[in-house]
Amino acid sequence: MDLNLIRSLKPDLILANKEENEKDQIQELAQDFKVNVTDVKDLDSALKMIREVSAICGKSKEGNALIQLIESEFKTLVPLVEKKKVLYLIWRDPWMSVGHDTFIHDMLGRCGMVNVCADTSRYPELDLTQVEADLVLLSSEPFPFNEKHIAECQVHFPDAHIKLVDGAIFSWYGSRMKEAPRYLQGVIDAIRL
């Protein structure tokens, strides 16, 4: 992060994220600017972030309307009844997944999926020979998994259903969450088949 560039912009507000930004840089900027630091790990904390940021920006009415829409959309989500043990991969070389303290973990749970890395935190590196899963989801980001990776994973998980998924839907919180339930329902329905 270029602190001098940020200072030159003279922002009225800096929005930072605990996971994405370095604490010492944020503390330094907070000496001269108003800084709001978010810490989103699940749907509830994502909605809290929307509420806080909209209030800071004088847009509470709009923020509350967005929250109501997101909550309404998530109420329509029909999760898997038969729980599936899922491995959600975000990186290759090394293989990396998601732990219990991530937004992705919460989205998987809302789909009725059991994260096989739930006993870890953040983004653990994995040895695929040590993992068992009924379902492997290959995220489109940050690593751009594609069709060739399905075959590669099928070697490690011959009996598992392997599917490419839109990583932005599973991991990006904010206004785009209003689109998430429809996409997640499509993933759930494809797995049911």
Protein backbone atom coordinates (compact mmCIF):
# COMPACT_ATOMS: atom_id res chain seq x y z
CA MET A 1 0.00 0.00 0.00
CA ASP A 2 1.39 3.39 -1.00
CA LEU A 3 0.78 5.50 2.09
CA ASN A 4 2.08 8.67 0.47
CA LEU A 5 -0.34 8.27 -2.41
CA ILE A 6 -3.22 7.77 0.02
CA ARG A 7 -2.18 10.87 1.98
CA SER A 8 -1.99 12.92 -1.23
CA LEU A 9 -5.63 12.08 -1.94
CA LYS A 10 -6.72 13.55 1.41
CA PRO A 11 -9.58 11.09 1.83
CA ASP A 12 -12.55 11.85 4.06
CA LEU A 13 -12.78 8.15 4.87
CA ILE A 14 -10.57 5.11 4.42
CA LEU A 15 -12.23 1.70 4.34
CA ALA A 16 -9.86 -1.08 5.30
CA ASN A 17 -10.23 -4.78 5.92
CA LYS A 18 -8.52 -6.65 8.74
CA GLU A 19 -7.59 -9.54 6.44
CA GLU A 20 -6.43 -7.50 3.46
CA ASN A 21 -4.57 -4.60 5.08
CA GLU A 22 -1.53 -4.41 7.35
CA LYS A 23 -2.29 -3.29 10.88
CA ASP A 24 0.68 -0.92 11.23
CA GLN A 25 -0.18 0.87 7.97
CA ILE A 26 -3.80 1.30 9.03
CA GLN A 27 -2.75 2.60 12.44
CA GLU A 28 -0.43 5.11 10.76
CA LEU A 29 -3.19 6.34 8.44
CA ALA A 30 -5.64 6.54 11.35
CA GLN A 31 -3.46 9.24 12.93
CA ASP A 32 -4.47 11.62 10.13
CA PHE A 33 -7.66 10.21 8.61
CA LYS A 34 -10.93 8.61 9.58
CA VAL A 35 -10.47 4.86 9.09
CA ASN A 36 -13.11 2.16 9.32
CA VAL A 37 -11.72 -1.38 9.59
CA THR A 38 -14.01 -4.27 8.73
CA ASP A 39 -13.58 -7.88 9.81
CA VAL A 40 -15.96 -10.03 7.80
CA LYS A 41 -16.05 -13.76 8.47
CA ASP A 42 -19.68 -14.68 7.79
CA LEU A 43 -22.97 -13.34 6.49
CA ASP A 44 -23.88 -11.67 9.78
CA SER A 45 -20.59 -9.74 9.97
CA ALA A 46 -20.95 -8.81 6.28
CA LEU A 47 -24.37 -7.33 6.98
CA LYS A 48 -22.95 -5.52 10.02
CA MET A 49 -20.25 -4.06 7.74
CA ILE A 50 -22.89 -2.77 5.30
CA ARG A 51 -24.84 -1.22 8.19
CA GLU A 52 -21.73 0.50 9.60
CA VAL A 53 -20.37 1.80 6.29
CA SER A 54 -23.76 3.05 5.12
CA ALA A 55 -24.23 4.88 8.43
CA ILE A 56 -20.77 6.47 8.21
CA CYS A 57 -21.59 7.62 4.67
CA GLY A 58 -24.98 9.02 5.66
CA LYS A 59 -26.80 6.32 3.67
CA SER A 60 -28.40 4.28 6.45
CA LYS A 61 -31.75 4.07 4.64
CA GLU A 62 -30.14 2.67 1.50
CA GLY A 63 -27.91 0.35 3.55
CA ASN A 64 -30.87 -1.03 5.49
CA ALA A 65 -32.80 -1.62 2.26
CA LEU A 66 -29.83 -3.53 0.84
CA ILE A 67 -29.53 -5.59 4.03
CA GLN A 68 -33.24 -6.45 3.89
CA LEU A 69 -32.90 -7.53 0.25
CA ILE A 70 -29.87 -9.71 1.00
CA GLU A 71 -31.57 -11.30 4.01
CA SER A 72 -34.69 -11.94 1.94
CA GLU A 73 -32.69 -13.59 -0.84
CA PHE A 74 -30.79 -15.82 1.59
CA LYS A 75 -34.10 -17.00 3.11
CA THR A 76 -34.93 -18.54 -0.28
CA LEU A 77 -31.82 -20.73 -0.27
CA VAL A 78 -32.68 -24.43 0.06
CA PRO A 79 -29.56 -26.25 1.31
CA LEU A 80 -28.63 -29.86 0.68
CA VAL A 81 -30.53 -32.17 3.00
CA GLU A 82 -27.91 -34.88 2.73
CA LYS A 83 -24.76 -33.12 3.93
CA LYS A 84 -21.76 -33.37 1.59
CA LYS A 85 -18.16 -33.26 2.80
CA VAL A 86 -16.70 -30.50 0.64
CA LEU A 87 -13.17 -29.44 -0.16
CA TYR A 88 -13.14 -25.87 -1.47
CA LEU A 89 -9.84 -25.17 -3.23
CA ILE A 90 -8.59 -21.61 -3.72
CA TRP A 91 -5.00 -22.24 -4.82
CA ARG A 92 -2.76 -24.76 -6.52
CA ASP A 93 0.96 -25.31 -5.88
CA PRO A 94 0.57 -25.41 -3.00
CA TRP A 95 -3.00 -26.66 -2.73
CA MET A 96 -4.91 -24.35 -0.39
CA SER A 97 -8.41 -24.38 1.04
CA VAL A 98 -10.45 -22.41 3.59
CA GLY A 99 -10.77 -22.72 7.34
CA HIS A 100 -13.66 -22.15 9.73
CA ASP A 101 -13.02 -18.43 10.14
CA THR A 102 -13.68 -17.39 6.55
CA PHE A 103 -16.67 -15.99 4.70
CA ILE A 104 -16.39 -18.91 2.24
CA HIS A 105 -16.81 -21.40 5.09
CA ASP A 106 -20.06 -19.69 6.09
CA MET A 107 -21.35 -19.78 2.49
CA LEU A 108 -20.55 -23.51 2.26
CA GLY A 109 -22.45 -24.15 5.48
CA ARG A 110 -25.48 -22.23 4.21
CA CYS A 111 -25.46 -24.57 1.20
CA GLY A 112 -25.60 -27.62 3.46
CA MET A 113 -21.97 -28.52 2.85
CA VAL A 114 -19.53 -29.61 5.54
CA ASN A 115 -16.11 -28.02 5.09
CA VAL A 116 -13.45 -30.76 5.46
CA CYS A 117 -10.99 -28.07 6.59
CA ALA A 118 -13.27 -26.71 9.33
CA ASP A 119 -10.72 -27.65 11.98
CA THR A 120 -8.22 -25.19 10.49
CA SER A 121 -8.13 -21.41 10.29
CA ARG A 122 -7.74 -18.96 7.43
CA TYR A 123 -6.25 -20.58 4.31
CA PRO A 124 -4.46 -23.86 5.07
CA GLU A 125 -2.03 -25.57 2.73
CA LEU A 126 -2.99 -29.18 2.03
CA ASP A 127 -1.62 -32.53 0.99
CA LEU A 128 -4.51 -33.86 -1.11
CA THR A 129 -3.55 -37.44 -0.28
CA GLN A 130 -4.53 -36.68 3.33
CA VAL A 131 -8.01 -35.32 2.55
CA GLU A 132 -11.32 -37.10 2.01
CA ALA A 133 -14.22 -35.35 0.29
CA ASP A 134 -17.50 -36.17 -1.45
CA LEU A 135 -17.38 -32.91 -3.34
CA VAL A 136 -14.52 -30.71 -4.54
CA LEU A 137 -15.25 -27.12 -5.53
CA LEU A 138 -12.58 -25.39 -7.62
CA SER A 139 -12.80 -21.62 -7.22
CA SER A 140 -12.32 -19.26 -10.15
CA GLU A 141 -10.25 -16.98 -7.94
CA PRO A 142 -7.74 -16.17 -6.56
CA PHE A 143 -6.30 -19.11 -8.54
CA PRO A 144 -8.08 -19.45 -11.90
CA PHE A 145 -9.04 -23.12 -11.80
CA ASN A 146 -10.41 -24.41 -15.11
CA GLU A 147 -11.44 -27.63 -16.87
CA LYS A 148 -7.93 -29.14 -16.91
CA HIS A 149 -7.84 -28.99 -13.11
CA ILE A 150 -10.98 -31.09 -12.83
CA ALA A 151 -9.13 -34.07 -14.32
CA GLU A 152 -6.13 -33.40 -12.09
CA CYS A 153 -8.32 -33.40 -8.97
CA GLN A 154 -10.28 -36.45 -10.11
CA VAL A 155 -7.05 -38.47 -9.73
CA HIS A 156 -6.96 -37.55 -6.04
CA PHE A 157 -10.73 -37.86 -5.54
CA PRO A 158 -11.95 -40.55 -7.98
CA ASP A 159 -15.39 -40.88 -6.38
CA ALA A 160 -16.00 -37.18 -5.71
CA HIS A 161 -18.13 -34.76 -7.69
CA ILE A 162 -15.78 -31.98 -8.87
CA LYS A 163 -17.16 -28.64 -9.95
CA LEU A 164 -15.81 -25.26 -11.05
CA VAL A 165 -17.45 -22.40 -9.13
CA ASP A 166 -17.46 -18.61 -9.22
CA GLY A 167 -15.09 -17.62 -6.43
CA ALA A 168 -16.45 -14.07 -6.33
CA ILE A 169 -19.87 -15.36 -5.29
CA PHE A 170 -18.42 -17.49 -2.50
CA SER A 171 -15.94 -14.95 -1.19
CA TRP A 172 -16.82 -11.35 -2.04
CA TYR A 173 -19.20 -9.76 0.42
CA GLY A 174 -21.02 -6.47 0.04
CA SER A 175 -23.76 -5.49 -2.38
CA ARG A 176 -23.06 -8.48 -4.64
CA MET A 177 -24.40 -10.74 -1.87
CA LYS A 178 -27.89 -10.03 -3.18
CA GLU A 179 -26.94 -12.14 -6.25
CA ALA A 180 -25.32 -14.96 -4.26
CA PRO A 181 -28.32 -17.06 -3.21
CA ARG A 182 -29.50 -17.60 -6.80
CA TYR A 183 -26.04 -18.71 -7.88
CA LEU A 184 -25.54 -20.87 -4.76
CA GLN A 185 -28.92 -22.51 -5.36
CA GLY A 186 -27.76 -23.41 -8.87
CA VAL A 187 -24.64 -25.05 -7.43
CA ILE A 188 -26.73 -26.93 -4.85
CA ASP A 189 -29.23 -28.10 -7.49
CA ALA A 190 -26.42 -29.31 -9.80
CA ILE A 191 -24.94 -31.33 -6.93
CA ARG A 192 -28.32 -32.92 -6.15
CA LEU A 193 -28.52 -34.40 -9.67
